Protein backbone atom coordinates (compact mmCIF):
# COMPACT_ATOMS: atom_id res chain seq x y z
CA MET A 1 -37.02 141.40 -77.87
CA SER A 2 -35.92 143.12 -74.67
CA THR A 3 -32.68 142.29 -72.89
CA THR A 4 -33.14 140.74 -69.45
CA THR A 5 -30.96 140.03 -66.45
CA LEU A 6 -31.44 138.69 -62.93
CA SER A 7 -32.04 140.91 -59.92
CA ALA A 8 -30.43 140.13 -56.57
CA GLY A 9 -33.58 138.24 -55.66
CA GLY A 10 -33.52 136.21 -58.86
CA ALA A 11 -36.37 138.00 -60.65
CA LEU A 12 -35.99 138.83 -64.33
CA LEU A 13 -35.54 142.53 -65.04
CA SER A 14 -35.67 144.16 -68.46
CA ALA A 15 -33.09 146.66 -69.66
CA GLY A 16 -35.66 149.37 -69.16
CA GLN A 17 -36.20 148.34 -65.57
CA LEU A 18 -32.47 148.47 -64.93
CA LEU A 19 -32.61 152.10 -66.04
CA GLY A 20 -35.66 152.73 -63.88
CA VAL A 21 -37.93 153.69 -66.78
CA SER A 22 -39.73 150.49 -67.71
CA ASP A 23 -43.51 150.31 -67.98
CA SER A 24 -43.40 146.62 -66.97
CA TYR A 25 -43.31 145.03 -63.54
CA PRO A 26 -40.63 142.68 -62.17
CA ALA A 27 -41.26 139.07 -63.04
CA LEU A 28 -43.80 137.39 -60.76
CA ALA A 29 -44.75 140.70 -59.12
CA THR A 30 -48.00 140.34 -57.20
CA LEU A 31 -48.75 143.96 -56.28
CA ARG A 32 -50.08 146.85 -58.37
CA TYR A 33 -49.81 149.93 -56.16
CA ALA A 34 -51.04 152.49 -58.68
CA GLN A 35 -53.85 150.28 -59.90
CA ASP A 36 -55.12 149.67 -56.36
CA PHE A 37 -54.74 153.34 -55.45
CA ILE A 38 -56.61 154.53 -58.56
CA ALA A 39 -59.50 152.17 -57.85
CA ALA A 40 -59.74 153.11 -54.15
CA ALA A 41 -59.48 156.85 -54.84
CA GLY A 42 -61.98 156.73 -57.71
CA ILE A 43 -59.63 158.55 -60.08
CA THR A 44 -60.98 158.79 -63.63
CA ASP A 45 -58.82 161.57 -65.12
CA ALA A 46 -56.35 160.06 -67.61
CA THR A 47 -53.48 162.41 -66.70
CA GLN A 48 -53.86 161.70 -62.99
CA ARG A 49 -54.05 157.96 -63.57
CA GLU A 50 -50.87 157.94 -65.66
CA ALA A 51 -49.12 160.19 -63.12
CA ALA A 52 -49.86 157.60 -60.41
CA ARG A 53 -48.54 154.78 -62.62
CA THR A 54 -45.34 156.67 -63.44
CA PHE A 55 -44.84 157.48 -59.76
CA GLU A 56 -45.15 153.79 -58.92
CA ARG A 57 -42.53 152.87 -61.51
CA ARG A 58 -40.09 155.44 -60.14
CA LEU A 59 -40.47 154.19 -56.55
CA LEU A 60 -40.05 150.58 -57.63
CA ALA A 61 -36.86 151.51 -59.47
CA ALA A 62 -35.58 153.37 -56.39
CA GLY A 63 -36.19 150.36 -54.16
CA VAL A 64 -38.71 152.21 -52.00
CA LEU A 65 -41.65 150.05 -53.06
CA ASP A 66 -41.48 146.26 -52.95
CA ALA A 67 -43.14 144.43 -55.84
CA TYR A 68 -44.13 141.47 -53.69
CA SER A 69 -44.91 142.72 -50.16
CA ARG A 70 -46.48 145.92 -48.88
CA ALA A 71 -44.87 145.27 -45.49
CA ALA A 72 -41.44 145.33 -47.14
CA CYS A 73 -41.91 148.86 -48.53
CA LEU A 74 -39.80 151.54 -46.90
CA ASP A 75 -42.86 153.72 -46.37
CA VAL A 76 -45.72 152.78 -44.07
CA ALA A 77 -47.94 155.28 -45.87
CA ILE A 78 -47.80 157.74 -48.75
CA TRP A 79 -50.59 160.20 -49.40
CA PRO A 80 -49.96 161.70 -52.89
CA LEU A 81 -53.15 163.78 -52.72
CA ILE A 82 -54.28 163.00 -56.26
CA GLY A 83 -57.88 163.42 -57.40
CA GLY A 84 -58.93 166.77 -55.98
CA SER A 85 -61.40 165.67 -53.29
CA SER A 86 -61.38 164.49 -49.70
CA SER A 87 -62.50 161.03 -50.85
CA SER A 88 -59.44 160.67 -53.09
CA HIS A 89 -56.94 162.54 -50.92
CA HIS A 90 -57.52 160.35 -47.88
CA VAL A 91 -56.27 157.18 -49.65
CA ASN A 92 -52.89 155.64 -48.75
CA PHE A 93 -50.86 154.77 -51.87
CA ILE A 94 -48.96 151.97 -50.11
CA ASP A 95 -52.06 150.16 -48.88
CA PRO A 96 -55.51 151.64 -49.61
CA SER A 97 -57.05 149.30 -47.03
CA ARG A 98 -55.43 151.09 -44.09
CA ASP A 99 -54.21 154.46 -42.81
CA ALA A 100 -56.89 156.51 -44.55
CA LEU A 101 -56.77 160.16 -43.55
CA THR A 102 -59.58 161.62 -41.42
CA PHE A 103 -59.99 165.35 -42.00
CA TYR A 104 -61.04 167.88 -39.35
CA GLY A 105 -62.11 171.47 -39.98
CA SER A 106 -63.00 171.01 -43.66
CA PRO A 107 -59.72 171.92 -45.41
CA GLN A 108 -59.99 172.93 -49.06
CA HIS A 109 -59.34 170.09 -51.52
CA SER A 110 -58.47 170.69 -55.17
CA SER A 111 -56.37 169.24 -58.00
CA THR A 112 -53.34 171.01 -56.48
CA GLY A 113 -53.65 169.20 -53.13
CA ILE A 114 -54.92 170.53 -49.80
CA ALA A 115 -55.04 174.15 -48.64
CA TRP A 116 -54.92 174.43 -44.83
CA ASN A 117 -55.98 177.54 -42.90
CA GLY A 118 -53.95 177.04 -39.72
CA GLN A 119 -56.85 175.54 -37.77
CA GLN A 120 -57.48 172.33 -39.72
CA TYR A 121 -55.72 168.98 -39.69
CA ALA A 122 -55.86 165.33 -40.72
CA ASP A 123 -55.41 162.30 -38.49
CA THR A 124 -53.25 159.65 -40.17
CA GLY A 125 -53.96 156.93 -37.63
CA VAL A 126 -50.24 156.02 -37.75
CA ILE A 127 -48.92 155.66 -34.18
CA PRO A 128 -45.12 155.99 -34.16
CA SER A 129 -44.51 153.80 -31.10
CA GLN A 130 -46.42 150.95 -32.76
CA ARG A 131 -45.47 151.32 -36.42
CA LEU A 132 -42.00 152.90 -36.54
CA ILE A 133 -38.47 152.19 -35.29
CA ALA A 134 -36.68 155.01 -33.47
CA SER A 135 -33.36 154.37 -35.20
CA ASP A 136 -34.81 153.91 -38.70
CA LEU A 137 -37.58 156.33 -39.63
CA ARG A 138 -38.49 159.15 -42.01
CA ILE A 139 -41.34 161.61 -42.61
CA SER A 140 -41.85 164.04 -45.50
CA VAL A 141 -44.11 166.76 -46.92
CA TYR A 142 -44.31 168.70 -50.19
CA THR A 143 -45.40 172.25 -49.41
CA ARG A 144 -46.64 174.53 -52.16
CA GLN A 145 -46.32 177.88 -50.40
CA ALA A 146 -43.52 179.77 -48.70
CA ARG A 147 -43.56 179.76 -44.93
CA GLY A 148 -45.42 182.26 -42.82
CA ASN A 149 -44.59 183.54 -39.35
CA GLY A 150 -44.70 181.62 -36.09
CA ASP A 151 -44.32 177.89 -35.55
CA THR A 152 -45.69 176.00 -38.52
CA MET A 153 -45.89 172.25 -38.04
CA GLU A 154 -46.39 170.27 -41.25
CA LEU A 155 -46.93 166.92 -39.51
CA GLY A 156 -46.07 165.25 -36.25
CA SER A 157 -46.84 163.54 -32.95
CA GLN A 158 -45.40 164.23 -29.51
CA GLN A 159 -46.13 163.12 -25.96
CA GLY A 160 -43.87 164.59 -23.32
CA ALA A 161 -40.35 164.69 -24.70
CA ASN A 162 -40.98 161.82 -27.10
CA GLY A 163 -41.73 163.34 -30.46
CA LEU A 164 -41.56 163.14 -34.22
CA PHE A 165 -42.35 166.25 -36.23
CA LEU A 166 -41.35 168.35 -39.21
CA SER A 167 -41.69 172.12 -39.08
CA SER A 168 -41.24 174.29 -42.16
CA TYR A 169 -40.51 177.24 -39.87
CA SER A 170 -39.64 177.51 -36.19
CA SER A 171 -40.02 180.91 -34.51
CA PHE A 172 -37.27 179.85 -32.11
CA GLN A 173 -34.76 178.96 -34.83
CA ASN A 174 -36.15 181.09 -37.71
CA LEU A 175 -35.42 178.05 -39.86
CA PRO A 176 -36.99 174.73 -40.87
CA TYR A 177 -36.78 172.40 -37.87
CA SER A 178 -37.42 168.77 -37.00
CA ARG A 179 -37.59 166.47 -33.99
CA THR A 180 -36.99 162.74 -34.14
CA PRO A 181 -35.81 160.18 -31.58
CA GLY A 182 -32.34 161.38 -32.58
CA GLY A 183 -33.03 164.80 -31.10
CA ASP A 184 -33.90 168.29 -32.34
CA LEU A 185 -32.39 169.55 -35.57
CA PRO A 186 -32.58 173.03 -37.11
CA ALA A 187 -31.70 173.51 -40.77
CA THR A 188 -28.48 175.27 -41.68
CA ASP A 189 -30.32 177.45 -44.21
CA PRO A 190 -33.88 178.69 -44.67
CA ALA A 191 -35.84 176.94 -47.40
CA PRO A 192 -38.85 178.08 -49.45
CA ALA A 193 -41.71 175.89 -50.62
CA GLY A 194 -40.82 172.40 -51.82
CA TYR A 195 -40.07 168.90 -50.59
CA PHE A 196 -39.01 168.56 -46.94
CA ALA A 197 -38.01 165.32 -45.19
CA THR A 198 -36.33 164.29 -41.96
CA SER A 199 -34.89 160.90 -41.03
CA THR A 200 -32.88 159.02 -38.42
CA ASN A 201 -30.35 156.25 -38.71
CA GLN A 202 -28.56 154.37 -35.92
CA MET A 203 -24.84 154.92 -36.46
CA ALA A 204 -23.81 151.31 -35.84
CA ALA A 205 -25.08 148.12 -34.24
CA GLY A 206 -25.26 148.61 -30.49
CA ASP A 207 -24.49 152.33 -30.76
CA VAL A 208 -26.83 154.58 -28.78
CA ASP A 209 -26.03 157.54 -31.06
CA ILE A 210 -28.53 158.28 -33.80
CA ASP A 211 -27.73 160.24 -36.95
CA THR A 212 -30.47 162.74 -37.84
CA LYS A 213 -30.79 164.56 -41.15
CA LEU A 214 -33.10 167.24 -42.53
CA PHE A 215 -33.61 167.39 -46.30
CA PHE A 216 -34.95 169.92 -48.79
CA ASN A 217 -35.54 168.91 -52.41
CA GLY A 218 -33.36 165.83 -51.98
CA GLY A 219 -30.38 167.66 -50.48
CA VAL A 220 -29.20 167.82 -46.86
CA ILE A 221 -29.94 171.14 -45.10
CA GLY A 222 -29.39 169.88 -41.54
CA ASN A 223 -27.18 167.14 -40.17
CA ALA A 224 -26.89 166.35 -36.45
CA GLY A 225 -24.39 163.53 -36.85
CA SER A 226 -24.22 161.51 -33.62
CA ALA A 227 -24.85 164.44 -31.31
CA ASN A 228 -27.53 162.86 -29.15
CA ASP A 229 -26.19 160.28 -26.68
CA LYS A 230 -29.62 159.66 -25.14
CA PRO A 231 -32.10 159.16 -27.96
CA LEU A 232 -35.69 160.18 -27.34
CA GLY A 233 -38.56 157.73 -27.62
CA LEU A 234 -41.51 157.52 -29.99
CA SER A 235 -44.91 158.98 -29.24
CA PRO A 236 -47.91 156.70 -28.60
CA LEU A 237 -50.19 159.27 -30.26
CA PRO A 238 -51.15 159.22 -33.96
CA VAL A 239 -49.35 161.52 -36.37
CA TRP A 240 -51.47 164.46 -37.51
CA LEU A 241 -50.96 166.37 -40.74
CA ALA A 242 -50.91 170.20 -40.94
CA CYS A 243 -50.08 170.53 -37.24
CA LEU A 244 -48.43 168.74 -34.33
CA ASN A 245 -50.44 166.32 -32.21
CA LEU A 246 -49.00 167.59 -28.93
CA ASP A 247 -50.16 165.49 -25.98
CA GLY A 248 -53.44 164.94 -27.83
CA SER A 249 -54.02 168.62 -28.61
CA PHE A 250 -53.67 170.69 -31.79
CA TYR A 251 -50.47 172.78 -31.95
CA GLY A 252 -48.74 174.91 -34.58
CA GLY A 253 -51.22 174.56 -37.41
CA THR A 254 -49.83 175.43 -40.83
CA ASN A 255 -51.53 177.68 -43.36
CA ARG A 256 -49.43 176.35 -46.23
CA ALA A 257 -50.91 174.26 -49.03
CA ALA A 258 -49.45 170.77 -49.43
CA SER A 259 -49.59 168.08 -52.08
CA TYR A 260 -47.74 165.06 -50.65
CA TYR A 261 -47.01 163.38 -47.30
CA SER A 262 -45.23 160.19 -46.26
CA ILE A 263 -44.31 158.26 -43.10
CA GLY A 264 -41.97 155.30 -42.96
CA ARG A 265 -38.40 154.07 -42.78
CA ARG A 266 -35.18 155.89 -43.64
CA TYR A 267 -34.03 156.22 -47.25
CA THR A 268 -30.44 156.04 -48.40
CA LEU A 269 -29.02 159.30 -49.78
CA PRO A 270 -29.42 158.08 -53.40
CA GLN A 271 -33.02 157.14 -52.60
CA GLU A 272 -33.64 160.62 -51.19
CA THR A 273 -32.53 162.09 -54.50
CA ALA A 274 -34.49 159.58 -56.58
CA VAL A 275 -37.69 160.02 -54.59
CA PHE A 276 -37.47 163.81 -54.69
CA GLN A 277 -37.19 163.54 -58.47
CA ALA A 278 -40.19 161.20 -58.55
CA VAL A 279 -42.26 163.48 -56.31
CA GLN A 280 -41.27 166.56 -58.34
CA GLU A 281 -42.18 164.76 -61.57
CA LEU A 282 -45.56 163.89 -60.06
CA GLN A 283 -46.18 167.52 -59.09
CA THR A 284 -45.06 168.76 -62.52
CA THR A 285 -47.34 166.35 -64.36
CA LEU A 286 -50.28 167.51 -62.22
CA ASN A 287 -49.42 171.21 -62.77
CA ARG A 288 -48.73 171.94 -59.11
CA ALA A 289 -44.93 171.94 -58.84
CA VAL A 290 -43.03 174.73 -57.09
C-alpha cells in the first residue's frame, strides 16, 4: 500500500508523486495530456508514447502542468515534435484542439524533430498581445545544431518596437540574444546547441521595472535585472517558429534543427531546472539529445 498525503489543494498524493516519479495522477485529475496528445498526433511507436507519458509526469511534478485545468498550465503551448511527421509535429501538447502549427516552405520532418533551411517557418497562431502578459511570460526552444553566422531567430513576433523573440546568435552581439517586453538582453557567454529560454517577471506589484533572464540548459546566461524603466509592449502578430515575424514579414530564418518549442508564462528558477531535465530526458529517450 502506498503512502499518501494531502497537497496544498487537498488532493491525495502518493509518496512517488511527492518525489516527482509516480506513474499515477493526482486524485480526481480530469486531464490526460499525454494521452490526448498521442491520440491527436497519431503516435503508435511504443518508445515515443512512453516518452510523452514520462514527460507529462515530469511537468506535473514541476507544477508546470495543471491536472485539472489546461488554462491553469504555465505554458500556453508546447510542441514536443514527437512522431516524425508534419501531422504529428504540428500538435500542441497542452491542448491538441488549438494552436496547431502551420508549416511553410516544407521543412524536413523526422524522428529527431524539424530541420529548417533558413527560408522555412511555422505559424503558431499564438498572438502575444492576446494570449500573454508582458510582465509574466516565457518562450523556449531546443536546438540540435550549433549556431551559424548572421542573425538566427529561433522564434518570435515583433511589430514596431514591441517584440518577443529568441535568437541563438545575433550578428550584432555575437551571442545568443532575446527581446521581451522587459527589453533587449544579450547572453554573457556564447552557447552551443541545447535548450534556450527567455522570460520576464515584474519585480514587484506596481513596479514598472521588469526582470528579464536568458537561460541555457536550465542555467542563467543573461540577466537584465530591472534595467528597463519603460517596458515594451507585446506584438499583435502571431509568433512564428524558425524565424522572426517582423511586421508580418519573414526575418532571420534559422538553419538549425530543433526538437522542442514552448510559449507561456514565466517559470520559477527551480522549475527552469526541472523542465530542462524533463526536456533533456525526452530528447535522450528519443535518441536526439545534444
